PDB file of all heavy atoms in Angstrom:
ATOM      1  N   VAL A   1      41.942  32.832 -27.411  1.00  0.00           N
ATOM      2  CA  VAL A   1      41.150  33.971 -26.965  1.00  0.00           C
ATOM      3  C   VAL A   1      40.426  33.627 -25.665  1.00  0.00           C
ATOM      4  O   VAL A   1      39.804  32.572 -25.541  1.00  0.00           O
ATOM      5  CB  VAL A   1      40.125  34.370 -28.037  1.00  0.00           C
ATOM      6  CG1 VAL A   1      39.192  35.456 -27.522  1.00  0.00           C
ATOM      7  CG2 VAL A   1      40.832  34.835 -29.313  1.00  0.00           C
ATOM      8  N   GLN A   2      40.564  34.524 -24.697  1.00  0.00           N
ATOM      9  CA  GLN A   2      39.833  34.368 -23.441  1.00  0.00           C
ATOM     10  C   GLN A   2      39.202  35.689 -23.051  1.00  0.00           C
ATOM     11  O   GLN A   2      39.842  36.747 -23.153  1.00  0.00           O
ATOM     12  CB  GLN A   2      40.764  33.901 -22.323  1.00  0.00           C
ATOM     13  CG  GLN A   2      41.080  32.426 -22.358  1.00  0.00           C
ATOM     14  CD  GLN A   2      41.685  31.935 -21.057  1.00  0.00           C
ATOM     15  OE1 GLN A   2      42.585  32.550 -20.529  1.00  0.00           O
ATOM     16  NE2 GLN A   2      41.171  30.827 -20.552  1.00  0.00           N
ATOM     17  N   LEU A   3      37.964  35.615 -22.600  1.00  0.00           N
ATOM     18  CA  LEU A   3      37.236  36.772 -22.078  1.00  0.00           C
ATOM     19  C   LEU A   3      36.682  36.364 -20.721  1.00  0.00           C
ATOM     20  O   LEU A   3      35.928  35.386 -20.627  1.00  0.00           O
ATOM     21  CB  LEU A   3      36.098  37.161 -23.022  1.00  0.00           C
ATOM     22  CG  LEU A   3      36.489  37.529 -24.454  1.00  0.00           C
ATOM     23  CD1 LEU A   3      35.252  37.680 -25.320  1.00  0.00           C
ATOM     24  CD2 LEU A   3      37.318  38.795 -24.478  1.00  0.00           C
ATOM     25  N   VAL A   4      37.058  37.089 -19.684  1.00  0.00           N
ATOM     26  CA  VAL A   4      36.655  36.736 -18.330  1.00  0.00           C
ATOM     27  C   VAL A   4      35.932  37.917 -17.697  1.00  0.00           C
ATOM     28  O   VAL A   4      36.545  38.956 -17.428  1.00  0.00           O
ATOM     29  CB  VAL A   4      37.865  36.325 -17.480  1.00  0.00           C
ATOM     30  CG1 VAL A   4      37.407  35.957 -16.073  1.00  0.00           C
ATOM     31  CG2 VAL A   4      38.610  35.161 -18.125  1.00  0.00           C
ATOM     32  N   GLU A   5      34.631  37.746 -17.471  1.00  0.00           N
ATOM     33  CA  GLU A   5      33.826  38.796 -16.868  1.00  0.00           C
ATOM     34  C   GLU A   5      33.850  38.714 -15.348  1.00  0.00           C
ATOM     35  O   GLU A   5      34.017  37.640 -14.768  1.00  0.00           O
ATOM     36  CB  GLU A   5      32.362  38.709 -17.323  1.00  0.00           C
ATOM     37  CG  GLU A   5      32.133  38.789 -18.810  1.00  0.00           C
ATOM     38  CD  GLU A   5      31.957  37.435 -19.451  1.00  0.00           C
ATOM     39  OE1 GLU A   5      32.479  36.435 -18.880  1.00  0.00           O
ATOM     40  OE2 GLU A   5      31.297  37.337 -20.506  1.00  0.00           O
ATOM     41  N   SER A   6      33.646  39.869 -14.731  1.00  0.00           N
ATOM     42  CA  SER A   6      33.506  39.943 -13.281  1.00  0.00           C
ATOM     43  C   SER A   6      32.709  41.191 -12.931  1.00  0.00           C
ATOM     44  O   SER A   6      32.496  42.061 -13.795  1.00  0.00           O
ATOM     45  CB  SER A   6      34.874  39.979 -12.590  1.00  0.00           C
ATOM     46  OG  SER A   6      35.604  41.118 -13.014  1.00  0.00           O
ATOM     47  N   GLY A   7      32.274  41.259 -11.683  1.00  0.00           N
ATOM     48  CA  GLY A   7      31.611  42.459 -11.196  1.00  0.00           C
ATOM     49  C   GLY A   7      30.105  42.378 -11.042  1.00  0.00           C
ATOM     50  O   GLY A   7      29.477  43.323 -10.578  1.00  0.00           O
ATOM     51  N   GLY A   8      29.522  41.257 -11.442  1.00  0.00           N
ATOM     52  CA  GLY A   8      28.076  41.122 -11.272  1.00  0.00           C
ATOM     53  C   GLY A   8      27.701  40.949  -9.809  1.00  0.00           C
ATOM     54  O   GLY A   8      28.552  40.832  -8.934  1.00  0.00           O
ATOM     55  N   GLY A   9      26.401  40.959  -9.557  1.00  0.00           N
ATOM     56  CA  GLY A   9      25.936  40.784  -8.195  1.00  0.00           C
ATOM     57  C   GLY A   9      24.490  41.186  -8.044  1.00  0.00           C
ATOM     58  O   GLY A   9      23.773  41.384  -9.033  1.00  0.00           O
ATOM     59  N   LEU A  10      24.081  41.303  -6.793  1.00  0.00           N
ATOM     60  CA  LEU A  10      22.711  41.696  -6.443  1.00  0.00           C
ATOM     61  C   LEU A  10      22.727  43.151  -6.001  1.00  0.00           C
ATOM     62  O   LEU A  10      23.535  43.529  -5.140  1.00  0.00           O
ATOM     63  CB  LEU A  10      22.183  40.797  -5.328  1.00  0.00           C
ATOM     64  CG  LEU A  10      20.831  41.155  -4.715  1.00  0.00           C
ATOM     65  CD1 LEU A  10      19.730  41.042  -5.764  1.00  0.00           C
ATOM     66  CD2 LEU A  10      20.546  40.263  -3.518  1.00  0.00           C
ATOM     67  N   VAL A  11      21.834  43.947  -6.564  1.00  0.00           N
ATOM     68  CA  VAL A  11      21.769  45.364  -6.229  1.00  0.00           C
ATOM     69  C   VAL A  11      20.313  45.801  -6.224  1.00  0.00           C
ATOM     70  O   VAL A  11      19.479  45.218  -6.933  1.00  0.00           O
ATOM     71  CB  VAL A  11      22.598  46.194  -7.239  1.00  0.00           C
ATOM     72  CG1 VAL A  11      22.027  46.102  -8.640  1.00  0.00           C
ATOM     73  CG2 VAL A  11      22.742  47.636  -6.798  1.00  0.00           C
ATOM     74  N   GLN A  12      20.012  46.793  -5.411  1.00  0.00           N
ATOM     75  CA  GLN A  12      18.647  47.329  -5.383  1.00  0.00           C
ATOM     76  C   GLN A  12      18.414  48.251  -6.578  1.00  0.00           C
ATOM     77  O   GLN A  12      19.367  48.849  -7.116  1.00  0.00           O
ATOM     78  CB  GLN A  12      18.410  48.090  -4.084  1.00  0.00           C
ATOM     79  CG  GLN A  12      18.276  47.200  -2.864  1.00  0.00           C
ATOM     80  CD  GLN A  12      17.814  47.968  -1.636  1.00  0.00           C
ATOM     81  OE1 GLN A  12      18.096  49.150  -1.497  1.00  0.00           O
ATOM     82  NE2 GLN A  12      17.087  47.285  -0.752  1.00  0.00           N
ATOM     83  N   ALA A  13      17.170  48.379  -6.957  1.00  0.00           N
ATOM     84  CA  ALA A  13      16.816  49.311  -8.026  1.00  0.00           C
ATOM     85  C   ALA A  13      17.339  50.707  -7.702  1.00  0.00           C
ATOM     86  O   ALA A  13      17.261  51.155  -6.556  1.00  0.00           O
ATOM     87  CB  ALA A  13      15.301  49.338  -8.216  1.00  0.00           C
ATOM     88  N   GLY A  14      17.895  51.352  -8.722  1.00  0.00           N
ATOM     89  CA  GLY A  14      18.500  52.659  -8.532  1.00  0.00           C
ATOM     90  C   GLY A  14      19.988  52.612  -8.237  1.00  0.00           C
ATOM     91  O   GLY A  14      20.658  53.653  -8.263  1.00  0.00           O
ATOM     92  N   GLY A  15      20.490  51.430  -7.942  1.00  0.00           N
ATOM     93  CA  GLY A  15      21.897  51.274  -7.618  1.00  0.00           C
ATOM     94  C   GLY A  15      22.784  51.177  -8.849  1.00  0.00           C
ATOM     95  O   GLY A  15      22.320  51.317  -9.985  1.00  0.00           O
ATOM     96  N   SER A  16      24.065  50.924  -8.579  1.00  0.00           N
ATOM     97  CA  SER A  16      25.073  50.870  -9.643  1.00  0.00           C
ATOM     98  C   SER A  16      25.938  49.637  -9.511  1.00  0.00           C
ATOM     99  O   SER A  16      26.137  49.111  -8.399  1.00  0.00           O
ATOM    100  CB  SER A  16      25.971  52.114  -9.587  1.00  0.00           C
ATOM    101  OG  SER A  16      25.233  53.296  -9.788  1.00  0.00           O
ATOM    102  N   LEU A  17      26.453  49.189 -10.635  1.00  0.00           N
ATOM    103  CA  LEU A  17      27.460  48.136 -10.695  1.00  0.00           C
ATOM    104  C   LEU A  17      28.421  48.452 -11.828  1.00  0.00           C
ATOM    105  O   LEU A  17      28.032  49.109 -12.812  1.00  0.00           O
ATOM    106  CB  LEU A  17      26.820  46.766 -10.967  1.00  0.00           C
ATOM    107  CG  LEU A  17      26.100  46.038  -9.841  1.00  0.00           C
ATOM    108  CD1 LEU A  17      25.425  44.782 -10.384  1.00  0.00           C
ATOM    109  CD2 LEU A  17      27.061  45.672  -8.717  1.00  0.00           C
ATOM    110  N   ARG A  18      29.648  47.970 -11.706  1.00  0.00           N
ATOM    111  CA  ARG A  18      30.589  48.073 -12.804  1.00  0.00           C
ATOM    112  C   ARG A  18      31.082  46.681 -13.172  1.00  0.00           C
ATOM    113  O   ARG A  18      31.674  45.993 -12.335  1.00  0.00           O
ATOM    114  CB  ARG A  18      31.785  48.963 -12.475  1.00  0.00           C
ATOM    115  CG  ARG A  18      32.648  49.217 -13.719  1.00  0.00           C
ATOM    116  CD  ARG A  18      33.803  50.168 -13.468  1.00  0.00           C
ATOM    117  NE  ARG A  18      34.934  49.520 -12.853  1.00  0.00           N
ATOM    118  CZ  ARG A  18      36.201  49.944 -12.964  1.00  0.00           C
ATOM    119  NH1 ARG A  18      36.457  51.022 -13.675  1.00  0.00           N
ATOM    120  NH2 ARG A  18      37.173  49.314 -12.339  1.00  0.00           N
ATOM    121  N   LEU A  19      30.827  46.297 -14.401  1.00  0.00           N
ATOM    122  CA  LEU A  19      31.302  45.015 -14.904  1.00  0.00           C
ATOM    123  C   LEU A  19      32.651  45.203 -15.584  1.00  0.00           C
ATOM    124  O   LEU A  19      32.902  46.237 -16.203  1.00  0.00           O
ATOM    125  CB  LEU A  19      30.313  44.426 -15.904  1.00  0.00           C
ATOM    126  CG  LEU A  19      28.862  44.268 -15.434  1.00  0.00           C
ATOM    127  CD1 LEU A  19      28.041  43.592 -16.530  1.00  0.00           C
ATOM    128  CD2 LEU A  19      28.780  43.492 -14.141  1.00  0.00           C
ATOM    129  N   SER A  20      33.487  44.182 -15.471  1.00  0.00           N
ATOM    130  CA  SER A  20      34.786  44.179 -16.132  1.00  0.00           C
ATOM    131  C   SER A  20      34.913  42.928 -16.983  1.00  0.00           C
ATOM    132  O   SER A  20      34.367  41.875 -16.637  1.00  0.00           O
ATOM    133  CB  SER A  20      35.927  44.196 -15.105  1.00  0.00           C
ATOM    134  OG  SER A  20      35.865  45.339 -14.291  1.00  0.00           O
ATOM    135  N   CYS A  21      35.646  43.057 -18.071  1.00  0.00           N
ATOM    136  CA  CYS A  21      35.934  41.908 -18.936  1.00  0.00           C
ATOM    137  C   CYS A  21      37.418  41.955 -19.282  1.00  0.00           C
ATOM    138  O   CYS A  21      37.864  42.853 -20.011  1.00  0.00           O
ATOM    139  CB  CYS A  21      35.092  41.958 -20.189  1.00  0.00           C
ATOM    140  SG  CYS A  21      35.544  40.728 -21.438  1.00  0.00           S
ATOM    141  N   ALA A  22      38.169  41.007 -18.735  1.00  0.00           N
ATOM    142  CA  ALA A  22      39.596  40.913 -19.011  1.00  0.00           C
ATOM    143  C   ALA A  22      39.812  40.053 -20.248  1.00  0.00           C
ATOM    144  O   ALA A  22      39.350  38.910 -20.296  1.00  0.00           O
ATOM    145  CB  ALA A  22      40.319  40.318 -17.816  1.00  0.00           C
ATOM    146  N   ALA A  23      40.504  40.608 -21.229  1.00  0.00           N
ATOM    147  CA  ALA A  23      40.692  39.935 -22.513  1.00  0.00           C
ATOM    148  C   ALA A  23      42.139  39.496 -22.684  1.00  0.00           C
ATOM    149  O   ALA A  23      43.064  40.187 -22.233  1.00  0.00           O
ATOM    150  CB  ALA A  23      40.298  40.876 -23.642  1.00  0.00           C
ATOM    151  N   SER A  24      42.331  38.369 -23.338  1.00  0.00           N
ATOM    152  CA  SER A  24      43.674  37.884 -23.643  1.00  0.00           C
ATOM    153  C   SER A  24      43.630  37.004 -24.880  1.00  0.00           C
ATOM    154  O   SER A  24      42.566  36.548 -25.297  1.00  0.00           O
ATOM    155  CB  SER A  24      44.247  37.104 -22.457  1.00  0.00           C
ATOM    156  OG  SER A  24      43.452  35.979 -22.169  1.00  0.00           O
TER     157      SER A  24
END
């Protein structure tokens, strides 16, 4: 089993981010 997250970062308040988790 592997779970690999991506998509984090620095954002200002009120902003948006989308996280992804690839599973196998």
